[in-house]
Amino acid sequence: MSGTLVFVTGGARSGKSAFAERRAAAAGTVVTYLATAQAFDEEMAARIGRHRADRPAGWHTVEVPLDVPAALTDAAGPTVLLDCLSLWVSNLMLGDTSDEDILSRADALMAVACARPGLTVLVTNEVGFGIVPDNALARRYRDLLGWVNQRAAAASQEAYLMVSGHPLTLKGPRP
């Protein structure tokens, strides 16, 4: 029996992570937090530190910048929060992963997410609302993340777009 897959997207500082954390906590179980961020500079290290400090003490954090499908497969406990698909796609791109391989890995991730029991919450950025980027790398990122997000939203039972701290229900029950 498969569980529930929840997709949460929005712009920067829209409240995605806070909403996703509340949704995961509401399950009333231990949460495994799959973190994809990497600290390439001091500012990012500080962000990661703030996120760690904000998580409840009982949550189990697994830092997984690349092999997210395997980490989701191995996740213990009924509730998993993955934050975020955006950085995962970026990490794969930085590792010279081909577009086809990134999309194949996204398909594998959705297959695992759909098959696992319990609650899985996926967080991602919506990067398609802005202007067309002026360089090929940024356009590639926007396109790949858009395709990954489409796969995740299609696979989910619930999908939310966060705007200024408020969830707009795209699919499923209202929060």
N, C-alpha and C. Protein backbone atom coordinates (compact mmCIF):
# COMPACT_ATOMS: atom_id res chain seq x y z
N MET A 1 0.86 -1.18 0.00
CA MET A 1 0.00 0.00 0.00
C MET A 1 0.89 1.23 0.00
N SER A 2 0.65 2.14 -0.90
CA SER A 2 1.44 3.36 -0.96
C SER A 2 0.84 4.42 -0.03
N GLY A 3 1.67 5.40 0.29
CA GLY A 3 1.25 6.46 1.20
C GLY A 3 0.80 7.70 0.45
N THR A 4 1.10 8.83 1.04
CA THR A 4 0.69 10.12 0.49
C THR A 4 1.93 10.90 0.06
N LEU A 5 1.90 11.41 -1.15
CA LEU A 5 2.97 12.26 -1.67
C LEU A 5 2.45 13.68 -1.76
N VAL A 6 3.17 14.61 -1.12
CA VAL A 6 2.79 16.02 -1.07
C VAL A 6 3.88 16.83 -1.76
N PHE A 7 3.48 17.70 -2.67
CA PHE A 7 4.38 18.56 -3.45
C PHE A 7 4.15 20.00 -3.00
N VAL A 8 5.24 20.68 -2.62
CA VAL A 8 5.16 22.07 -2.15
C VAL A 8 6.15 22.91 -2.96
N THR A 9 5.64 23.91 -3.67
CA THR A 9 6.48 24.77 -4.50
C THR A 9 6.18 26.24 -4.20
N GLY A 10 7.04 27.10 -4.67
CA GLY A 10 6.86 28.54 -4.50
C GLY A 10 8.18 29.24 -4.75
N GLY A 11 8.14 30.54 -4.69
CA GLY A 11 9.34 31.34 -4.90
C GLY A 11 10.20 31.41 -3.65
N ALA A 12 11.29 32.15 -3.76
CA ALA A 12 12.18 32.35 -2.63
C ALA A 12 11.45 33.04 -1.49
N ARG A 13 11.65 32.54 -0.29
CA ARG A 13 11.06 33.11 0.93
C ARG A 13 9.53 33.16 0.88
N SER A 14 8.94 32.18 0.20
CA SER A 14 7.48 32.13 0.10
C SER A 14 6.84 31.38 1.26
N GLY A 15 7.65 30.68 2.06
CA GLY A 15 7.13 29.90 3.17
C GLY A 15 7.05 28.41 2.88
N LYS A 16 7.72 27.97 1.81
CA LYS A 16 7.67 26.56 1.40
C LYS A 16 8.14 25.63 2.51
N SER A 17 9.33 25.86 3.01
CA SER A 17 9.91 24.94 3.99
C SER A 17 9.09 24.92 5.28
N ALA A 18 8.67 26.09 5.75
CA ALA A 18 7.87 26.14 6.98
C ALA A 18 6.57 25.38 6.81
N PHE A 19 5.90 25.56 5.68
CA PHE A 19 4.65 24.84 5.41
C PHE A 19 4.91 23.34 5.36
N ALA A 20 5.96 22.94 4.64
CA ALA A 20 6.28 21.51 4.50
C ALA A 20 6.60 20.90 5.86
N GLU A 21 7.32 21.63 6.69
CA GLU A 21 7.65 21.13 8.02
C GLU A 21 6.40 20.97 8.88
N ARG A 22 5.47 21.93 8.79
CA ARG A 22 4.21 21.80 9.53
C ARG A 22 3.41 20.60 9.02
N ARG A 23 3.40 20.41 7.70
CA ARG A 23 2.65 19.30 7.11
C ARG A 23 3.25 17.97 7.57
N ALA A 24 4.57 17.87 7.59
CA ALA A 24 5.23 16.64 8.04
C ALA A 24 4.99 16.41 9.53
N ALA A 25 5.11 17.46 10.33
CA ALA A 25 4.91 17.33 11.78
C ALA A 25 3.49 16.91 12.12
N ALA A 26 2.53 17.34 11.31
CA ALA A 26 1.12 17.02 11.56
C ALA A 26 0.84 15.52 11.45
N ALA A 27 1.73 14.78 10.81
CA ALA A 27 1.56 13.33 10.71
C ALA A 27 1.69 12.67 12.07
N GLY A 28 2.35 13.35 13.00
CA GLY A 28 2.48 12.83 14.36
C GLY A 28 3.46 11.69 14.51
N THR A 29 4.39 11.58 13.57
CA THR A 29 5.39 10.51 13.63
C THR A 29 6.79 11.11 13.57
N VAL A 30 7.78 10.27 13.74
CA VAL A 30 9.16 10.70 13.57
C VAL A 30 9.35 11.10 12.11
N VAL A 31 10.07 12.19 11.88
CA VAL A 31 10.30 12.69 10.53
C VAL A 31 11.77 12.49 10.16
N THR A 32 11.98 11.91 8.98
CA THR A 32 13.31 11.86 8.38
C THR A 32 13.39 13.01 7.40
N TYR A 33 14.37 13.89 7.61
CA TYR A 33 14.55 15.10 6.82
C TYR A 33 15.71 14.86 5.86
N LEU A 34 15.43 14.78 4.57
CA LEU A 34 16.47 14.62 3.56
C LEU A 34 16.86 16.01 3.06
N ALA A 35 18.08 16.42 3.38
CA ALA A 35 18.57 17.76 3.05
C ALA A 35 19.53 17.68 1.88
N THR A 36 19.26 18.44 0.82
CA THR A 36 20.10 18.38 -0.38
C THR A 36 21.11 19.53 -0.47
N ALA A 37 21.03 20.50 0.43
CA ALA A 37 21.91 21.68 0.35
C ALA A 37 23.36 21.31 0.65
N GLN A 38 24.26 22.02 -0.03
CA GLN A 38 25.69 21.91 0.23
C GLN A 38 26.22 23.29 0.54
N ALA A 39 27.14 23.36 1.49
CA ALA A 39 27.69 24.64 1.91
C ALA A 39 28.96 24.94 1.11
N PHE A 40 28.78 25.64 0.00
CA PHE A 40 29.93 26.02 -0.83
C PHE A 40 30.54 27.35 -0.39
N ASP A 41 29.84 28.09 0.49
CA ASP A 41 30.38 29.35 1.00
C ASP A 41 29.83 29.59 2.41
N GLU A 42 30.31 30.64 3.06
CA GLU A 42 29.92 30.91 4.45
C GLU A 42 28.44 31.26 4.58
N GLU A 43 27.91 32.00 3.62
CA GLU A 43 26.50 32.39 3.69
C GLU A 43 25.61 31.16 3.62
N MET A 44 25.94 30.20 2.74
CA MET A 44 25.14 28.99 2.63
C MET A 44 25.31 28.13 3.88
N ALA A 45 26.49 28.09 4.43
CA ALA A 45 26.71 27.34 5.67
C ALA A 45 25.84 27.91 6.79
N ALA A 46 25.72 29.23 6.85
CA ALA A 46 24.86 29.86 7.86
C ALA A 46 23.40 29.51 7.63
N ARG A 47 22.95 29.50 6.38
CA ARG A 47 21.57 29.12 6.06
C ARG A 47 21.28 27.69 6.51
N ILE A 48 22.20 26.79 6.19
CA ILE A 48 22.04 25.39 6.57
C ILE A 48 21.98 25.28 8.09
N GLY A 49 22.83 26.02 8.78
CA GLY A 49 22.83 26.02 10.24
C GLY A 49 21.51 26.49 10.82
N ARG A 50 20.93 27.55 10.23
CA ARG A 50 19.62 28.04 10.70
C ARG A 50 18.54 27.00 10.48
N HIS A 51 18.55 26.36 9.32
CA HIS A 51 17.56 25.31 9.04
C HIS A 51 17.68 24.16 10.04
N ARG A 52 18.92 23.73 10.32
CA ARG A 52 19.12 22.65 11.30
C ARG A 52 18.58 23.04 12.67
N ALA A 53 18.88 24.26 13.08
CA ALA A 53 18.45 24.72 14.40
C ALA A 53 16.93 24.83 14.51
N ASP A 54 16.26 25.11 13.40
CA ASP A 54 14.81 25.27 13.41
C ASP A 54 14.05 23.94 13.44
N ARG A 55 14.71 22.85 13.08
CA ARG A 55 14.03 21.55 13.06
C ARG A 55 13.82 21.02 14.46
N PRO A 56 12.71 20.33 14.68
CA PRO A 56 12.49 19.70 15.99
C PRO A 56 13.60 18.72 16.33
N ALA A 57 13.92 18.62 17.61
CA ALA A 57 15.04 17.80 18.08
C ALA A 57 14.87 16.32 17.71
N GLY A 58 13.67 15.81 17.65
CA GLY A 58 13.45 14.39 17.38
C GLY A 58 13.54 14.00 15.92
N TRP A 59 13.68 14.97 15.03
CA TRP A 59 13.76 14.65 13.61
C TRP A 59 15.15 14.12 13.27
N HIS A 60 15.18 13.20 12.33
CA HIS A 60 16.43 12.61 11.89
C HIS A 60 16.82 13.24 10.54
N THR A 61 17.98 13.90 10.49
CA THR A 61 18.43 14.55 9.26
C THR A 61 19.45 13.69 8.54
N VAL A 62 19.24 13.54 7.22
CA VAL A 62 20.19 12.85 6.35
C VAL A 62 20.58 13.85 5.27
N GLU A 63 21.86 14.15 5.19
CA GLU A 63 22.34 15.07 4.17
C GLU A 63 22.68 14.25 2.93
N VAL A 64 21.98 14.56 1.84
CA VAL A 64 22.08 13.75 0.63
C VAL A 64 22.03 14.66 -0.59
N PRO A 65 23.18 15.15 -1.03
CA PRO A 65 23.17 16.08 -2.16
C PRO A 65 22.91 15.43 -3.52
N LEU A 66 23.18 14.12 -3.67
CA LEU A 66 23.10 13.53 -5.01
C LEU A 66 22.16 12.33 -5.12
N ASP A 67 22.36 11.30 -4.33
CA ASP A 67 21.60 10.06 -4.51
C ASP A 67 20.32 10.07 -3.68
N VAL A 68 19.44 10.98 -4.05
CA VAL A 68 18.18 11.16 -3.32
C VAL A 68 17.26 9.94 -3.45
N PRO A 69 17.13 9.31 -4.63
CA PRO A 69 16.26 8.12 -4.68
C PRO A 69 16.70 7.03 -3.70
N ALA A 70 17.99 6.78 -3.58
CA ALA A 70 18.48 5.76 -2.64
C ALA A 70 18.22 6.18 -1.20
N ALA A 71 18.42 7.45 -0.90
CA ALA A 71 18.18 7.94 0.47
C ALA A 71 16.71 7.81 0.83
N LEU A 72 15.83 8.08 -0.11
CA LEU A 72 14.40 7.93 0.15
C LEU A 72 14.05 6.46 0.35
N THR A 73 14.65 5.59 -0.44
CA THR A 73 14.43 4.15 -0.28
C THR A 73 14.87 3.70 1.11
N ASP A 74 16.00 4.22 1.58
CA ASP A 74 16.58 3.81 2.86
C ASP A 74 15.97 4.53 4.07
N ALA A 75 15.15 5.54 3.84
CA ALA A 75 14.63 6.36 4.94
C ALA A 75 13.82 5.50 5.91
N ALA A 76 14.17 5.64 7.17
CA ALA A 76 13.44 4.92 8.22
C ALA A 76 12.28 5.79 8.68
N GLY A 77 11.23 5.14 9.09
CA GLY A 77 10.09 5.88 9.62
C GLY A 77 9.08 6.21 8.55
N PRO A 78 7.87 6.51 8.99
CA PRO A 78 6.77 6.69 8.05
C PRO A 78 6.70 8.07 7.38
N THR A 79 7.42 9.08 7.90
CA THR A 79 7.31 10.43 7.35
C THR A 79 8.67 10.92 6.88
N VAL A 80 8.72 11.37 5.63
CA VAL A 80 9.97 11.90 5.05
C VAL A 80 9.68 13.26 4.44
N LEU A 81 10.56 14.20 4.72
CA LEU A 81 10.50 15.53 4.11
C LEU A 81 11.79 15.72 3.33
N LEU A 82 11.67 15.97 2.03
CA LEU A 82 12.82 16.22 1.16
C LEU A 82 12.87 17.70 0.83
N ASP A 83 13.93 18.37 1.26
CA ASP A 83 14.09 19.80 1.03
C ASP A 83 15.50 20.02 0.48
N CYS A 84 15.70 20.20 -0.83
CA CYS A 84 14.68 20.42 -1.81
C CYS A 84 15.10 19.87 -3.16
N LEU A 85 14.12 19.71 -4.03
CA LEU A 85 14.38 19.25 -5.40
C LEU A 85 15.23 20.26 -6.17
N SER A 86 15.06 21.53 -5.88
CA SER A 86 15.78 22.60 -6.60
C SER A 86 17.29 22.46 -6.45
N LEU A 87 17.72 22.27 -5.21
CA LEU A 87 19.16 22.13 -4.97
C LEU A 87 19.66 20.78 -5.48
N TRP A 88 18.81 19.77 -5.40
CA TRP A 88 19.20 18.46 -5.92
C TRP A 88 19.51 18.56 -7.42
N VAL A 89 18.63 19.19 -8.17
CA VAL A 89 18.85 19.35 -9.62
C VAL A 89 20.13 20.16 -9.86
N SER A 90 20.32 21.22 -9.10
CA SER A 90 21.53 22.03 -9.22
C SER A 90 22.78 21.19 -8.93
N ASN A 91 22.74 20.39 -7.86
CA ASN A 91 23.88 19.54 -7.51
C ASN A 91 24.20 18.57 -8.64
N LEU A 92 23.17 17.99 -9.23
CA LEU A 92 23.40 17.06 -10.34
C LEU A 92 24.01 17.78 -11.54
N MET A 93 23.51 18.97 -11.83
CA MET A 93 24.07 19.74 -12.94
C MET A 93 25.53 20.08 -12.69
N LEU A 94 25.87 20.47 -11.45
CA LEU A 94 27.26 20.80 -11.10
C LEU A 94 28.17 19.58 -11.25
N GLY A 95 27.59 18.40 -11.14
CA GLY A 95 28.34 17.16 -11.31
C GLY A 95 28.39 16.67 -12.74
N ASP A 96 28.04 17.55 -13.68
CA ASP A 96 28.07 17.22 -15.11
C ASP A 96 27.13 16.07 -15.49
N THR A 97 26.02 15.95 -14.79
CA THR A 97 25.02 14.94 -15.11
C THR A 97 24.23 15.42 -16.33
N SER A 98 23.99 14.53 -17.26
CA SER A 98 23.25 14.90 -18.47
C SER A 98 21.79 15.19 -18.14
N ASP A 99 21.15 15.93 -19.03
CA ASP A 99 19.73 16.24 -18.85
C ASP A 99 18.91 14.95 -18.78
N GLU A 100 19.20 14.01 -19.66
CA GLU A 100 18.47 12.75 -19.70
C GLU A 100 18.64 11.98 -18.39
N ASP A 101 19.85 11.98 -17.85
CA ASP A 101 20.10 11.27 -16.59
C ASP A 101 19.40 11.96 -15.42
N ILE A 102 19.37 13.29 -15.42
CA ILE A 102 18.65 14.01 -14.36
C ILE A 102 17.17 13.66 -14.39
N LEU A 103 16.58 13.65 -15.57
CA LEU A 103 15.16 13.32 -15.69
C LEU A 103 14.90 11.86 -15.35
N SER A 104 15.83 10.97 -15.69
CA SER A 104 15.71 9.57 -15.33
C SER A 104 15.78 9.40 -13.81
N ARG A 105 16.67 10.13 -13.17
CA ARG A 105 16.76 10.08 -11.70
C ARG A 105 15.50 10.65 -11.06
N ALA A 106 14.94 11.68 -11.67
CA ALA A 106 13.68 12.23 -11.16
C ALA A 106 12.56 11.20 -11.27
N ASP A 107 12.51 10.48 -12.39
CA ASP A 107 11.51 9.42 -12.54
C ASP A 107 11.70 8.34 -11.49
N ALA A 108 12.96 7.97 -11.22
CA ALA A 108 13.24 6.97 -10.19
C ALA A 108 12.81 7.47 -8.81
N LEU A 109 13.06 8.75 -8.55
CA LEU A 109 12.65 9.33 -7.27
C LEU A 109 11.14 9.29 -7.11
N MET A 110 10.41 9.63 -8.17
CA MET A 110 8.95 9.62 -8.08
C MET A 110 8.43 8.20 -7.89
N ALA A 111 9.06 7.22 -8.53
CA ALA A 111 8.64 5.83 -8.35
C ALA A 111 8.82 5.40 -6.90
N VAL A 112 9.94 5.74 -6.30
CA VAL A 112 10.18 5.41 -4.90
C VAL A 112 9.19 6.14 -4.00
N ALA A 113 9.00 7.43 -4.27
CA ALA A 113 8.11 8.25 -3.44
C ALA A 113 6.67 7.73 -3.50
N CYS A 114 6.24 7.31 -4.67
CA CYS A 114 4.87 6.81 -4.82
C CYS A 114 4.68 5.43 -4.19
N ALA A 115 5.74 4.64 -4.12
CA ALA A 115 5.63 3.28 -3.60
C ALA A 115 5.76 3.20 -2.08
N ARG A 116 6.36 4.19 -1.47
CA ARG A 116 6.62 4.06 -0.03
C ARG A 116 5.36 4.35 0.78
N PRO A 117 5.21 3.63 1.90
CA PRO A 117 4.08 3.91 2.78
C PRO A 117 4.34 5.19 3.56
N GLY A 118 3.33 5.71 4.20
CA GLY A 118 3.50 6.90 5.02
C GLY A 118 3.39 8.17 4.19
N LEU A 119 3.97 9.23 4.72
CA LEU A 119 3.89 10.56 4.13
C LEU A 119 5.25 10.97 3.60
N THR A 120 5.28 11.43 2.35
CA THR A 120 6.49 12.00 1.76
C THR A 120 6.16 13.40 1.28
N VAL A 121 6.94 14.38 1.73
CA VAL A 121 6.73 15.78 1.36
C VAL A 121 7.94 16.24 0.56
N LEU A 122 7.70 16.74 -0.64
CA LEU A 122 8.75 17.24 -1.52
C LEU A 122 8.66 18.76 -1.62
N VAL A 123 9.77 19.44 -1.38
CA VAL A 123 9.83 20.90 -1.48
C VAL A 123 10.67 21.26 -2.70
N THR A 124 10.25 22.32 -3.41
CA THR A 124 11.00 22.77 -4.58
C THR A 124 10.73 24.25 -4.82
N ASN A 125 11.56 24.85 -5.62
CA ASN A 125 11.34 26.25 -6.03
C ASN A 125 10.60 26.29 -7.36
N GLU A 126 9.74 27.28 -7.49
CA GLU A 126 9.12 27.58 -8.78
C GLU A 126 10.00 28.65 -9.43
N VAL A 127 10.67 28.28 -10.51
CA VAL A 127 11.59 29.21 -11.16
C VAL A 127 11.10 29.66 -12.53
N GLY A 128 9.89 29.30 -12.90
CA GLY A 128 9.41 29.61 -14.23
C GLY A 128 8.59 30.87 -14.34
N PHE A 129 8.40 31.63 -13.27
CA PHE A 129 7.57 32.83 -13.31
C PHE A 129 8.31 34.06 -13.81
N GLY A 130 9.64 34.01 -13.83
CA GLY A 130 10.42 35.19 -14.18
C GLY A 130 10.68 35.31 -15.67
N ILE A 131 11.57 36.22 -15.99
CA ILE A 131 11.94 36.43 -17.38
C ILE A 131 12.82 35.27 -17.87
N VAL A 132 12.98 35.15 -19.15
CA VAL A 132 13.87 34.14 -19.71
C VAL A 132 15.30 34.52 -19.33
N PRO A 133 16.03 33.59 -18.68
CA PRO A 133 17.41 33.90 -18.29
C PRO A 133 18.27 34.26 -19.49
N ASP A 134 19.31 35.06 -19.23
CA ASP A 134 20.15 35.55 -20.32
C ASP A 134 21.32 34.64 -20.66
N ASN A 135 21.42 33.46 -20.00
CA ASN A 135 22.53 32.58 -20.34
C ASN A 135 22.04 31.14 -20.41
N ALA A 136 22.79 30.33 -21.14
CA ALA A 136 22.39 28.96 -21.42
C ALA A 136 22.30 28.10 -20.17
N LEU A 137 23.24 28.25 -19.23
CA LEU A 137 23.21 27.44 -18.01
C LEU A 137 21.96 27.73 -17.19
N ALA A 138 21.60 28.98 -17.03
CA ALA A 138 20.41 29.34 -16.26
C ALA A 138 19.14 28.86 -16.97
N ARG A 139 19.11 28.93 -18.29
CA ARG A 139 17.95 28.43 -19.04
C ARG A 139 17.84 26.91 -18.90
N ARG A 140 18.98 26.24 -18.95
CA ARG A 140 18.98 24.78 -18.77
C ARG A 140 18.44 24.42 -17.39
N TYR A 141 18.91 25.13 -16.36
CA TYR A 141 18.44 24.87 -15.00
C TYR A 141 16.93 25.10 -14.88
N ARG A 142 16.47 26.22 -15.39
CA ARG A 142 15.04 26.54 -15.32
C ARG A 142 14.23 25.45 -16.00
N ASP A 143 14.66 25.02 -17.17
CA ASP A 143 13.93 24.00 -17.91
C ASP A 143 13.95 22.66 -17.19
N LEU A 144 15.13 22.22 -16.75
CA LEU A 144 15.23 20.92 -16.06
C LEU A 144 14.40 20.91 -14.78
N LEU A 145 14.52 21.97 -13.98
CA LEU A 145 13.75 22.00 -12.74
C LEU A 145 12.26 22.04 -13.04
N GLY A 146 11.86 22.76 -14.07
CA GLY A 146 10.45 22.77 -14.46
C GLY A 146 9.95 21.38 -14.82
N TRP A 147 10.75 20.61 -15.56
CA TRP A 147 10.35 19.25 -15.93
C TRP A 147 10.31 18.33 -14.71
N VAL A 148 11.30 18.47 -13.80
CA VAL A 148 11.30 17.67 -12.58
C VAL A 148 10.08 18.02 -11.73
N ASN A 149 9.80 19.32 -11.60
CA ASN A 149 8.63 19.74 -10.83
C ASN A 149 7.33 19.21 -11.43
N GLN A 150 7.23 19.20 -12.75
CA GLN A 150 6.03 18.65 -13.38
C GLN A 150 5.84 17.18 -13.03
N ARG A 151 6.93 16.43 -13.04
CA ARG A 151 6.86 15.01 -12.69
C ARG A 151 6.41 14.85 -11.24
N ALA A 152 6.98 15.64 -10.34
CA ALA A 152 6.64 15.54 -8.92
C ALA A 152 5.18 15.93 -8.67
N ALA A 153 4.73 17.01 -9.28
CA ALA A 153 3.35 17.44 -9.09
C ALA A 153 2.37 16.42 -9.65
N ALA A 154 2.69 15.84 -10.81
CA ALA A 154 1.81 14.84 -11.40
C ALA A 154 1.70 13.59 -10.53
N ALA A 155 2.80 13.22 -9.88
CA ALA A 155 2.81 12.01 -9.05
C ALA A 155 2.13 12.22 -7.70
N SER A 156 2.00 13.45 -7.27
CA SER A 156 1.52 13.73 -5.91
C SER A 156 0.01 13.63 -5.79
N GLN A 157 -0.43 13.37 -4.55
CA GLN A 157 -1.86 13.43 -4.24
C GLN A 157 -2.25 14.83 -3.80
N GLU A 158 -1.27 15.58 -3.27
CA GLU A 158 -1.50 16.95 -2.83
C GLU A 158 -0.40 17.83 -3.44
N ALA A 159 -0.78 19.03 -3.89
CA ALA A 159 0.19 19.98 -4.43
C ALA A 159 -0.20 21.38 -3.99
N TYR A 160 0.80 22.14 -3.51
CA TYR A 160 0.56 23.48 -3.00
C TYR A 160 1.56 24.45 -3.59
N LEU A 161 1.09 25.63 -3.93
CA LEU A 161 1.92 26.75 -4.35
C LEU A 161 1.91 27.75 -3.21
N MET A 162 3.07 28.04 -2.66
CA MET A 162 3.18 29.00 -1.57
C MET A 162 3.37 30.41 -2.12
N VAL A 163 2.56 31.34 -1.63
CA VAL A 163 2.67 32.74 -2.02
C VAL A 163 2.60 33.57 -0.75
N SER A 164 3.66 34.28 -0.45
CA SER A 164 3.70 35.18 0.72
C SER A 164 3.23 34.49 1.99
N GLY A 165 3.68 33.25 2.18
CA GLY A 165 3.35 32.51 3.38
C GLY A 165 2.02 31.81 3.38
N HIS A 166 1.29 31.89 2.29
CA HIS A 166 -0.03 31.27 2.21
C HIS A 166 -0.05 30.17 1.15
N PRO A 167 -0.57 28.99 1.51
CA PRO A 167 -0.64 27.90 0.53
C PRO A 167 -1.86 28.04 -0.36
N LEU A 168 -1.62 27.94 -1.64
CA LEU A 168 -2.70 27.85 -2.62
C LEU A 168 -2.78 26.38 -3.02
N THR A 169 -3.92 25.78 -2.86
CA THR A 169 -4.08 24.36 -3.17
C THR A 169 -4.19 24.19 -4.69
N LEU A 170 -3.27 23.40 -5.23
CA LEU A 170 -3.30 23.07 -6.64
C LEU A 170 -4.00 21.73 -6.86
N LYS A 171 -3.90 20.87 -5.83
CA LYS A 171 -4.40 19.50 -5.95
C LYS A 171 -4.56 18.95 -4.56
N GLY A 172 -5.69 18.33 -4.27
CA GLY A 172 -5.89 17.70 -2.98
C GLY A 172 -6.64 18.59 -2.00
N PRO A 173 -6.65 18.20 -0.73
CA PRO A 173 -7.43 18.94 0.28
C PRO A 173 -6.80 20.29 0.63
N ARG A 174 -7.61 21.18 1.09
CA ARG A 174 -7.12 22.48 1.57
C ARG A 174 -6.48 22.28 2.94
N PRO A 175 -5.34 22.94 3.17
CA PRO A 175 -4.68 22.80 4.48
C PRO A 175 -5.46 23.48 5.60
